[in-house]
Each structure stands twice: as structure tokens, then as C-alpha cells.
Amino acid sequence: MTLETKRLILREWNENDVEDIVEGLNNIEVSKWLAFVPYPYTKKDAEEWIKFCVENAKKGIARTSYDFAVELKSERKVIGGVSLDKINKFQETAGGGIWINAKYHGQGYGTEAFGKKIEYAFNELKLRRLENGFLDGNPSSFKMQEKFGYKIEGMRRKAFRCMADGEIKDEYITGLLKDEWIIDLFLIEPSKEYQKSFQSYTLAYGRINDNHYFNKYKKALENFDEFLNDLYKFNKGIDLPQGRVPFSTFWLIHNDEVVGVVRVRHIETEETGHIGYDISPMCRNKGYGTQILRLALKKAFEMGIKDAILTCKTDNIASRRVIEKNNGVLLGAFFAKEKNEDMYKFSCSNG
């Protein structure tokens, strides 16, 4: 099993990792925040741990835990470990933790590895909830978890006697629901920098014969500069297509790729409200819809829209859930003549 990020490889442990794991864990400033890691941490400790991991990996699909070595690509060196354990496929839950060699703290490696683990848990293992925790006195651990949407759910008083320093410590329990997962992504204005990515985005619609979105974006394949210029003019209210109002377009970026497009209309339209978006056919059912709407609402509020109106078809359950996850309040139903569809109308307020 191997996972990969820009700078890291998350892989199974092997016997060649002994020196790196000893270097990372034989440090009281690291081990004192890990309940079951001894100090000093010896070569024998590392060998026993790796032997356990190797045997566990042999279980294949029957395994209930994954323990990954975090390898830094640029140095081909293991700089930490991240785990996904206590996997319960019926409950769709799991736990796990992370540690990083102190020499590599402060460079975002822990966040990068932890984020990839969460992505694997939710998107590949199809889990719905992750549990974590941190020992009292280690707030930096929660700061990292909080970036992804974890919330403190309680505290276990005097939960552990830490093997490294012998101290009895309280443990804060944290939890993350898939619905509340904050993916490391952002909105940008359309730009030449992402030309190839957006063209691939457009072609994905062509491959599934989605003519609506393929035709909407096909000019990006024919003349990308003109396509960008059109979006700039539409934002300014210039040369708008018939029946359209001024709107700002943003691209949702994840791992340097365009995964979604959102349009924020400066004026509410009767059938489509203020915001409309689409997610790449290659990236659906991964939580991007909830996130793109969350970020688009921020843009709308920054533009001075106090109550953003959103609409969806009455039979589009997934779209309704996305709106409700973003605190959308149902205003009622109506018949959209242009679309010839029954629609719901929602309001999302700033604050």
C-alpha cells in the first residue's frame, strides 16, 4: 500500500527503516506526546515495531489498521509515521495518530501526511467518522487536526501513563465526520496557469457525453485566451449572453488541479439564484460539492450579498444535502418555466 503527496510517500514499513525510526523516536520531545512509545527508543524497539507492521500488512483486505512510514521524497528518508487503526467497517469508523522527526517540524510535513491519511480513509475506505486525540499540554497537535475540521468532543481524565516520561496525562478526544471534513483546497480566478488542467476538466465532460457543460467550456479548448477574456468581461457585465446577469467565475483547486467551477451571480436570478457550480466527473462523491459551496458563499458575502439564494431540483437529493450542510434554509418550492422543473429555493445568510 502506497500513498503519495507532493513531497511525501506514505508506504509500508520495512527493515531498512530501523535507523530512521530510531532517530525520530529516540527524542523525548517527540515521544512524551505518544502514550505507548518508550524512551530511550532503541534499535530493538524499532525492529519489533517493523516486524509487527510487516505481519499486519500480510492480512490484506482483512486488516483493521494501516501504519505508514512517512518518507520525504527529496531525501529518500523516513521522517515520521502515520496510522489509521481500529478500523470498523460496519460502523465505518477508525482512529489513528501521527509523529514527525523533530528535525522536520515546522515545515508542514505532518499536515501533509495527516491530510493524505484522511483522504484515504474517507474516499477509499469509505469511512464516515475518524477519531483522534492529543495529550494535555500539546496544543499544536490539535491545531493541525483543527485545519481539517476535527472538533474536541471530550476529555479522558488521567487516561494514560506515558511510557516515555512516566507522567499520567489527560487525553482530549477529537472527532471528524466526513460531512465536516475541510479539504486543503481553495478558489482562484481563472488564469493561464491552469490552462492544461482546465482543458482536461472540459474533456472529462466530453468523455461522458455531458454536452451541457462540455459546450459551456469548449471555447477553452479552441482559444483559451479568448475564453478567459470572456469570463473577465462577464464579471464586469460586458457582452453578457442574453438573459444573463454579471457573474464572477472561480475555479476550485486541489493538488494543483481544477476540480470544480463555481459562478457567483452579482444579482439573484429567479430560477438559479446567486450561485451555481459543477464538479469534475472524475471528482464526484468526494465532498467537493460541500466545500466549493462553502468557499463560494464566502466570496458572495465579501461581494456584499447578505442573503445568498440557491436553488436545486426537488429530486436532486445530493444537491439539497450540500446546501443544507452549508446552513441553507428552505424557503419553499417553485416551478421553473425555463428549466421545466420543480425547484427548491434556499437562503444562506452571512452570520
Protein backbone atom coordinates (compact mmCIF):
# COMPACT_ATOMS: atom_id res chain seq x y z
CA MET A 1 0.00 0.00 0.00
CA THR A 2 1.47 3.34 -1.06
CA LEU A 3 0.00 6.85 -0.94
CA GLU A 4 1.69 9.90 -2.39
CA THR A 5 1.62 13.68 -1.92
CA LYS A 6 3.73 16.42 -3.48
CA ARG A 7 6.62 15.96 -1.08
CA LEU A 8 5.92 12.67 0.65
CA ILE A 9 5.38 8.96 0.13
CA LEU A 10 3.28 7.09 2.67
CA ARG A 11 4.21 3.42 2.47
CA GLU A 12 4.52 0.21 4.45
CA TRP A 13 7.41 -0.06 6.91
CA ASN A 14 10.38 -2.30 6.08
CA GLU A 15 13.60 -3.43 7.76
CA ASN A 16 15.62 -0.68 6.06
CA ASP A 17 13.75 1.93 8.14
CA VAL A 18 15.25 0.97 11.51
CA GLU A 19 17.81 3.78 11.72
CA ASP A 20 15.33 6.44 10.64
CA ILE A 21 12.66 5.38 13.13
CA VAL A 22 15.20 5.31 15.98
CA GLU A 23 16.44 8.77 15.03
CA GLY A 24 12.89 10.13 15.03
CA LEU A 25 11.51 8.50 18.17
CA ASN A 26 14.60 8.49 20.39
CA ASN A 27 13.80 12.08 21.31
CA ILE A 28 11.88 12.86 24.48
CA GLU A 29 10.33 15.95 22.86
CA VAL A 30 8.60 13.62 20.41
CA SER A 31 7.96 10.51 22.49
CA LYS A 32 6.46 12.31 25.50
CA TRP A 33 3.37 13.08 23.40
CA LEU A 34 2.94 9.45 22.32
CA ALA A 35 1.40 7.31 25.04
CA PHE A 36 2.90 3.96 24.02
CA VAL A 37 6.40 4.87 22.80
CA PRO A 38 9.26 4.24 25.27
CA TYR A 39 12.26 6.47 25.87
CA PRO A 40 15.03 5.79 25.19
CA TYR A 41 13.81 4.26 21.93
CA THR A 42 16.20 1.53 20.82
CA LYS A 43 17.05 -0.43 17.71
CA LYS A 44 15.28 -3.44 19.24
CA ASP A 45 12.11 -1.37 19.73
CA ALA A 46 12.22 -0.34 16.07
CA GLU A 47 12.80 -3.89 14.85
CA GLU A 48 9.87 -5.21 16.86
CA TRP A 49 7.59 -2.46 15.60
CA ILE A 50 8.56 -3.05 11.98
CA LYS A 51 8.09 -6.81 12.37
CA PHE A 52 4.56 -6.17 13.66
CA CYS A 53 3.80 -3.85 10.73
CA VAL A 54 5.13 -6.30 8.14
CA GLU A 55 2.96 -9.10 9.55
CA ASN A 56 -0.06 -6.82 9.69
CA ALA A 57 0.36 -5.86 6.04
CA LYS A 58 0.08 -9.53 5.07
CA LYS A 59 -3.55 -9.58 6.21
CA GLY A 60 -4.60 -7.75 3.06
CA ILE A 61 -8.23 -6.69 2.99
CA ALA A 62 -8.79 -8.32 6.39
CA ARG A 63 -6.52 -5.83 8.14
CA THR A 64 -8.02 -3.39 10.61
CA SER A 65 -5.10 -0.97 10.67
CA TYR A 66 -2.61 0.71 8.39
CA ASP A 67 0.71 2.01 9.69
CA PHE A 68 2.55 4.14 7.16
CA ALA A 69 6.14 5.25 7.11
CA VAL A 70 6.31 8.90 6.02
CA GLU A 71 9.14 9.17 3.51
CA LEU A 72 10.48 12.54 2.33
CA LYS A 73 10.94 12.28 -1.44
CA SER A 74 13.77 14.79 -1.70
CA GLU A 75 15.93 12.89 0.82
CA ARG A 76 14.53 9.36 0.40
CA LYS A 77 14.39 9.29 4.19
CA VAL A 78 11.66 8.29 6.64
CA ILE A 79 10.81 11.35 8.75
CA GLY A 80 7.78 10.07 10.65
CA GLY A 81 4.85 7.70 10.86
CA VAL A 82 1.08 7.99 10.47
CA SER A 83 -1.53 5.40 11.34
CA LEU A 84 -5.12 4.51 10.62
CA ASP A 85 -6.22 1.95 13.18
CA LYS A 86 -9.24 0.38 14.88
CA ILE A 87 -10.98 0.28 11.50
CA ASN A 88 -14.58 -0.86 11.92
CA LYS A 89 -16.10 -1.45 8.50
CA PHE A 90 -19.61 -1.93 9.87
CA GLN A 91 -19.55 1.31 11.86
CA GLU A 92 -17.43 2.98 9.14
CA THR A 93 -15.07 4.45 11.74
CA ALA A 94 -11.37 4.42 12.58
CA GLY A 95 -8.72 6.07 14.76
CA GLY A 96 -5.02 6.77 14.34
CA GLY A 97 -2.20 9.17 15.05
CA ILE A 98 1.00 10.72 13.70
CA TRP A 99 4.54 11.64 14.68
CA ILE A 100 7.26 13.56 12.83
CA ASN A 101 11.00 13.66 13.49
CA ALA A 102 11.68 16.89 15.43
CA LYS A 103 14.29 17.93 12.85
CA TYR A 104 11.48 18.25 10.33
CA HIS A 105 8.94 20.11 12.44
CA GLY A 106 7.52 23.42 11.26
CA GLN A 107 7.59 22.59 7.55
CA GLY A 108 4.06 21.28 7.10
CA TYR A 109 5.04 17.63 6.61
CA GLY A 110 2.76 16.44 9.42
CA THR A 111 -0.23 18.27 7.97
CA GLU A 112 0.53 16.92 4.51
CA ALA A 113 0.77 13.30 5.69
CA PHE A 114 -2.21 13.55 8.02
CA GLY A 115 -4.35 15.05 5.27
CA LYS A 116 -3.49 12.22 2.90
CA LYS A 117 -4.44 9.67 5.53
CA ILE A 118 -7.84 11.35 5.99
CA GLU A 119 -8.38 11.41 2.23
CA TYR A 120 -7.65 7.68 2.01
CA ALA A 121 -9.95 6.91 4.94
CA PHE A 122 -12.92 8.82 3.57
CA ASN A 123 -12.53 8.37 -0.19
CA GLU A 124 -11.07 4.88 -0.50
CA LEU A 125 -12.15 3.04 2.66
CA LYS A 126 -15.49 4.89 2.59
CA LEU A 127 -15.44 5.64 6.32
CA ARG A 128 -17.78 8.24 7.80
CA ARG A 129 -16.00 9.19 11.04
CA LEU A 130 -12.43 9.41 12.34
CA GLU A 131 -11.36 9.66 15.97
CA ASN A 132 -8.14 11.15 17.20
CA GLY A 133 -6.87 12.78 20.33
CA PHE A 134 -3.99 14.65 21.91
CA LEU A 135 -2.39 14.67 25.32
CA ASP A 136 -2.90 17.67 27.57
CA GLY A 137 -0.07 20.14 27.02
CA ASN A 138 0.30 19.50 23.29
CA PRO A 139 -1.96 22.14 21.67
CA SER A 140 -0.01 22.10 18.39
CA SER A 141 -1.44 18.64 17.71
CA PHE A 142 -4.98 19.96 17.86
CA LYS A 143 -4.11 22.98 15.73
CA MET A 144 -3.15 20.60 12.95
CA GLN A 145 -6.29 18.50 13.40
CA GLU A 146 -8.48 21.59 13.50
CA LYS A 147 -7.32 22.56 10.00
CA PHE A 148 -9.20 19.53 8.70
CA GLY A 149 -12.36 20.10 10.73
CA TYR A 150 -11.72 17.98 13.84
CA LYS A 151 -13.64 19.04 16.94
CA ILE A 152 -12.89 18.40 20.61
CA GLU A 153 -15.56 16.02 21.89
CA GLY A 154 -14.43 15.47 25.44
CA MET A 155 -11.57 14.68 27.79
CA ARG A 156 -10.47 11.41 29.38
CA ARG A 157 -9.03 12.35 32.76
CA LYS A 158 -5.71 10.71 33.63
CA ALA A 159 -6.12 8.48 30.60
CA PHE A 160 -2.53 7.34 30.12
CA ARG A 161 0.74 6.88 31.90
CA CYS A 162 3.12 7.95 29.16
CA MET A 163 5.82 5.30 28.60
CA ALA A 164 8.43 7.93 27.67
CA ASP A 165 8.36 10.10 30.80
CA GLY A 166 6.16 8.14 33.22
CA GLU A 167 3.70 11.01 33.68
CA ILE A 168 -0.04 10.38 33.93
CA LYS A 169 -1.77 12.61 31.40
CA ASP A 170 -5.26 13.66 30.40
CA GLU A 171 -6.28 12.98 26.81
CA TYR A 172 -8.58 15.20 24.76
CA ILE A 173 -10.77 13.24 22.37
CA THR A 174 -11.27 14.69 18.90
CA GLY A 175 -13.55 13.58 16.08
CA LEU A 176 -14.04 14.31 12.40
CA LEU A 177 -17.17 13.49 10.39
CA LYS A 178 -16.80 13.12 6.65
CA ASP A 179 -19.51 15.76 6.20
CA GLU A 180 -17.36 18.26 8.16
CA TRP A 181 -14.04 17.41 6.52
CA ILE A 182 -12.20 20.55 5.37
CA ILE A 183 -10.15 19.62 2.32
CA ASP A 184 -6.97 21.55 1.58
CA LEU A 185 -8.35 23.41 -1.41
CA PHE A 186 -9.07 26.96 -2.49
CA LEU A 187 -10.79 29.12 -5.11
CA ILE A 188 -8.90 31.17 -7.68
CA GLU A 189 -9.93 33.42 -10.54
CA PRO A 190 -9.46 31.67 -13.90
CA SER A 191 -5.88 32.01 -15.13
CA LYS A 192 -3.45 30.88 -17.81
CA GLU A 193 -1.51 28.98 -15.15
CA TYR A 194 -4.19 26.28 -15.07
CA GLN A 195 -4.84 26.07 -18.83
CA LYS A 196 -3.91 22.40 -19.23
CA SER A 197 -5.78 21.41 -16.10
CA PHE A 198 -8.96 23.23 -17.14
CA GLN A 199 -8.78 21.80 -20.64
CA SER A 200 -8.58 18.32 -19.10
CA TYR A 201 -11.54 19.30 -16.93
CA THR A 202 -13.53 20.21 -20.07
CA LEU A 203 -12.58 17.00 -21.89
CA ALA A 204 -13.84 14.94 -18.95
CA TYR A 205 -17.36 16.19 -19.73
CA GLY A 206 -16.89 15.23 -23.36
CA ARG A 207 -15.92 11.69 -22.40
CA ILE A 208 -19.20 11.18 -20.55
CA ASN A 209 -21.22 12.94 -23.28
CA ASP A 210 -22.32 15.74 -20.97
CA ASN A 211 -23.00 18.27 -23.71
CA HIS A 212 -24.31 20.94 -21.36
CA TYR A 213 -21.01 21.51 -19.57
CA PHE A 214 -18.80 20.48 -22.50
CA ASN A 215 -20.39 23.17 -24.69
CA LYS A 216 -20.19 25.69 -21.85
CA TYR A 217 -16.41 25.24 -21.64
CA LYS A 218 -15.36 24.06 -25.12
CA LYS A 219 -14.07 27.51 -26.09
CA ALA A 220 -11.26 26.86 -23.59
CA LEU A 221 -10.11 24.11 -25.98
CA GLU A 222 -10.37 26.29 -29.08
CA ASN A 223 -8.95 29.61 -27.87
CA PHE A 224 -8.06 29.72 -24.18
CA ASP A 225 -7.13 33.41 -24.13
CA GLU A 226 -10.49 34.41 -25.58
CA PHE A 227 -12.23 32.13 -23.10
CA LEU A 228 -10.50 33.90 -20.20
CA ASN A 229 -11.30 37.28 -21.70
CA ASP A 230 -14.99 36.39 -21.95
CA LEU A 231 -15.05 35.46 -18.25
CA TYR A 232 -13.38 38.77 -17.40
CA LYS A 233 -16.00 40.70 -19.40
CA PHE A 234 -18.91 38.77 -17.89
CA ASN A 235 -17.59 39.69 -14.44
CA LYS A 236 -17.76 43.36 -15.50
CA GLY A 237 -21.21 42.98 -17.08
CA ILE A 238 -19.85 43.41 -20.64
CA ASP A 239 -21.19 41.44 -23.63
CA LEU A 240 -23.29 39.19 -21.45
CA PRO A 241 -25.16 36.31 -23.09
CA GLN A 242 -28.87 37.03 -23.47
CA GLY A 243 -30.75 36.77 -20.19
CA ARG A 244 -27.60 36.57 -18.05
CA VAL A 245 -26.57 38.88 -15.21
CA PRO A 246 -22.97 39.81 -14.28
CA PHE A 247 -21.20 36.93 -12.57
CA SER A 248 -17.76 36.08 -11.22
CA THR A 249 -16.21 32.70 -12.02
CA PHE A 250 -13.85 30.83 -9.71
CA TRP A 251 -12.03 27.53 -10.09
CA LEU A 252 -11.71 25.09 -7.23
CA ILE A 253 -8.10 23.88 -6.92
CA HIS A 254 -6.91 20.73 -5.18
CA ASN A 255 -3.42 19.28 -5.61
CA ASP A 256 -2.74 21.82 -8.36
CA GLU A 257 -5.67 20.63 -10.44
CA VAL A 258 -9.04 22.21 -11.30
CA VAL A 259 -11.69 20.01 -9.70
CA GLY A 260 -14.68 22.35 -9.77
CA VAL A 261 -16.12 25.58 -11.19
CA VAL A 262 -18.42 27.99 -9.40
CA ARG A 263 -20.26 31.07 -10.64
CA VAL A 264 -21.33 33.78 -8.20
CA ARG A 265 -24.02 35.96 -9.77
CA HIS A 266 -23.95 39.57 -8.65
CA ILE A 267 -27.74 39.73 -8.86
CA GLU A 268 -30.18 37.00 -7.91
CA THR A 269 -31.90 35.33 -10.84
CA GLU A 270 -35.36 33.87 -10.43
CA GLU A 271 -34.55 30.28 -11.34
CA THR A 272 -30.85 29.91 -10.47
CA GLY A 273 -30.35 32.26 -7.51
CA HIS A 274 -26.89 33.64 -6.78
CA ILE A 275 -24.62 30.59 -7.04
CA GLY A 276 -24.16 27.71 -9.44
CA TYR A 277 -21.35 25.18 -9.55
CA ASP A 278 -20.20 21.94 -11.12
CA ILE A 279 -17.65 19.32 -10.07
CA SER A 280 -15.43 17.38 -12.48
CA PRO A 281 -16.92 13.99 -13.43
CA MET A 282 -13.65 12.49 -12.20
CA CYS A 283 -14.00 14.02 -8.73
CA ARG A 284 -17.58 13.45 -7.64
CA ASN A 285 -18.74 11.87 -4.40
CA LYS A 286 -15.61 13.07 -2.60
CA GLY A 287 -17.01 16.05 -0.69
CA TYR A 288 -16.01 18.72 -3.19
CA GLY A 289 -19.57 19.97 -3.61
CA THR A 290 -19.89 20.91 0.05
CA GLN A 291 -16.50 22.62 0.02
CA ILE A 292 -16.94 24.59 -3.20
CA LEU A 293 -20.25 25.97 -1.95
CA ARG A 294 -18.71 26.85 1.42
CA LEU A 295 -15.96 28.83 -0.30
CA ALA A 296 -18.34 30.38 -2.83
CA LEU A 297 -20.58 31.67 -0.04
CA LYS A 298 -17.56 33.44 1.47
CA LYS A 299 -16.95 35.09 -1.90
CA ALA A 300 -20.61 36.10 -2.13
CA PHE A 301 -20.59 37.64 1.33
CA GLU A 302 -17.37 39.51 0.53
CA MET A 303 -19.12 40.92 -2.55
CA GLY A 304 -21.85 42.35 -0.30
CA ILE A 305 -24.51 39.70 -0.81
CA LYS A 306 -26.10 39.33 2.63
CA ASP A 307 -28.55 36.55 1.81
CA ALA A 308 -27.35 34.22 -0.91
CA ILE A 309 -30.16 32.44 -2.73
CA LEU A 310 -29.58 28.91 -4.01
CA THR A 311 -31.84 26.60 -5.95
CA CYS A 312 -31.89 22.90 -6.82
CA LYS A 313 -34.26 20.45 -8.43
CA THR A 314 -36.69 18.91 -5.97
CA ASP A 315 -35.49 15.42 -6.91
CA ASN A 316 -31.78 16.29 -6.52
CA ILE A 317 -31.24 14.94 -3.02
CA ALA A 318 -27.45 15.26 -3.16
CA SER A 319 -27.59 18.94 -4.10
CA ARG A 320 -30.11 19.64 -1.34
CA ARG A 321 -27.83 18.00 1.22
CA VAL A 322 -24.88 20.10 0.08
CA ILE A 323 -26.92 23.28 0.55
CA GLU A 324 -28.21 22.20 3.96
CA LYS A 325 -24.68 21.33 5.12
CA ASN A 326 -23.83 24.95 4.39
CA ASN A 327 -26.69 26.14 6.63
CA GLY A 328 -29.13 26.68 3.80
CA VAL A 329 -32.69 27.38 4.96
CA LEU A 330 -35.50 26.11 2.74
CA LEU A 331 -37.73 28.98 1.62
CA GLY A 332 -40.13 26.92 -0.45
CA ALA A 333 -40.69 25.28 -3.82
CA PHE A 334 -41.49 26.77 -7.22
CA PHE A 335 -41.83 25.76 -10.86
CA ALA A 336 -39.00 26.93 -13.11
CA LYS A 337 -40.52 27.63 -16.52
CA GLU A 338 -37.21 27.88 -18.37
CA LYS A 339 -35.95 24.58 -16.93
CA ASN A 340 -39.43 22.99 -16.90
CA GLU A 341 -38.57 21.61 -13.45
CA ASP A 342 -39.91 21.77 -9.92
CA MET A 343 -37.27 23.53 -7.82
CA TYR A 344 -36.45 24.29 -4.20
CA LYS A 345 -35.24 27.71 -3.11
CA PHE A 346 -32.85 28.16 -0.15
CA SER A 347 -31.30 31.09 1.63
CA CYS A 348 -27.79 31.18 3.15
CA SER A 349 -27.21 34.21 5.37
CA ASN A 350 -23.97 35.85 6.38
CA GLY A 351 -23.76 35.22 10.11
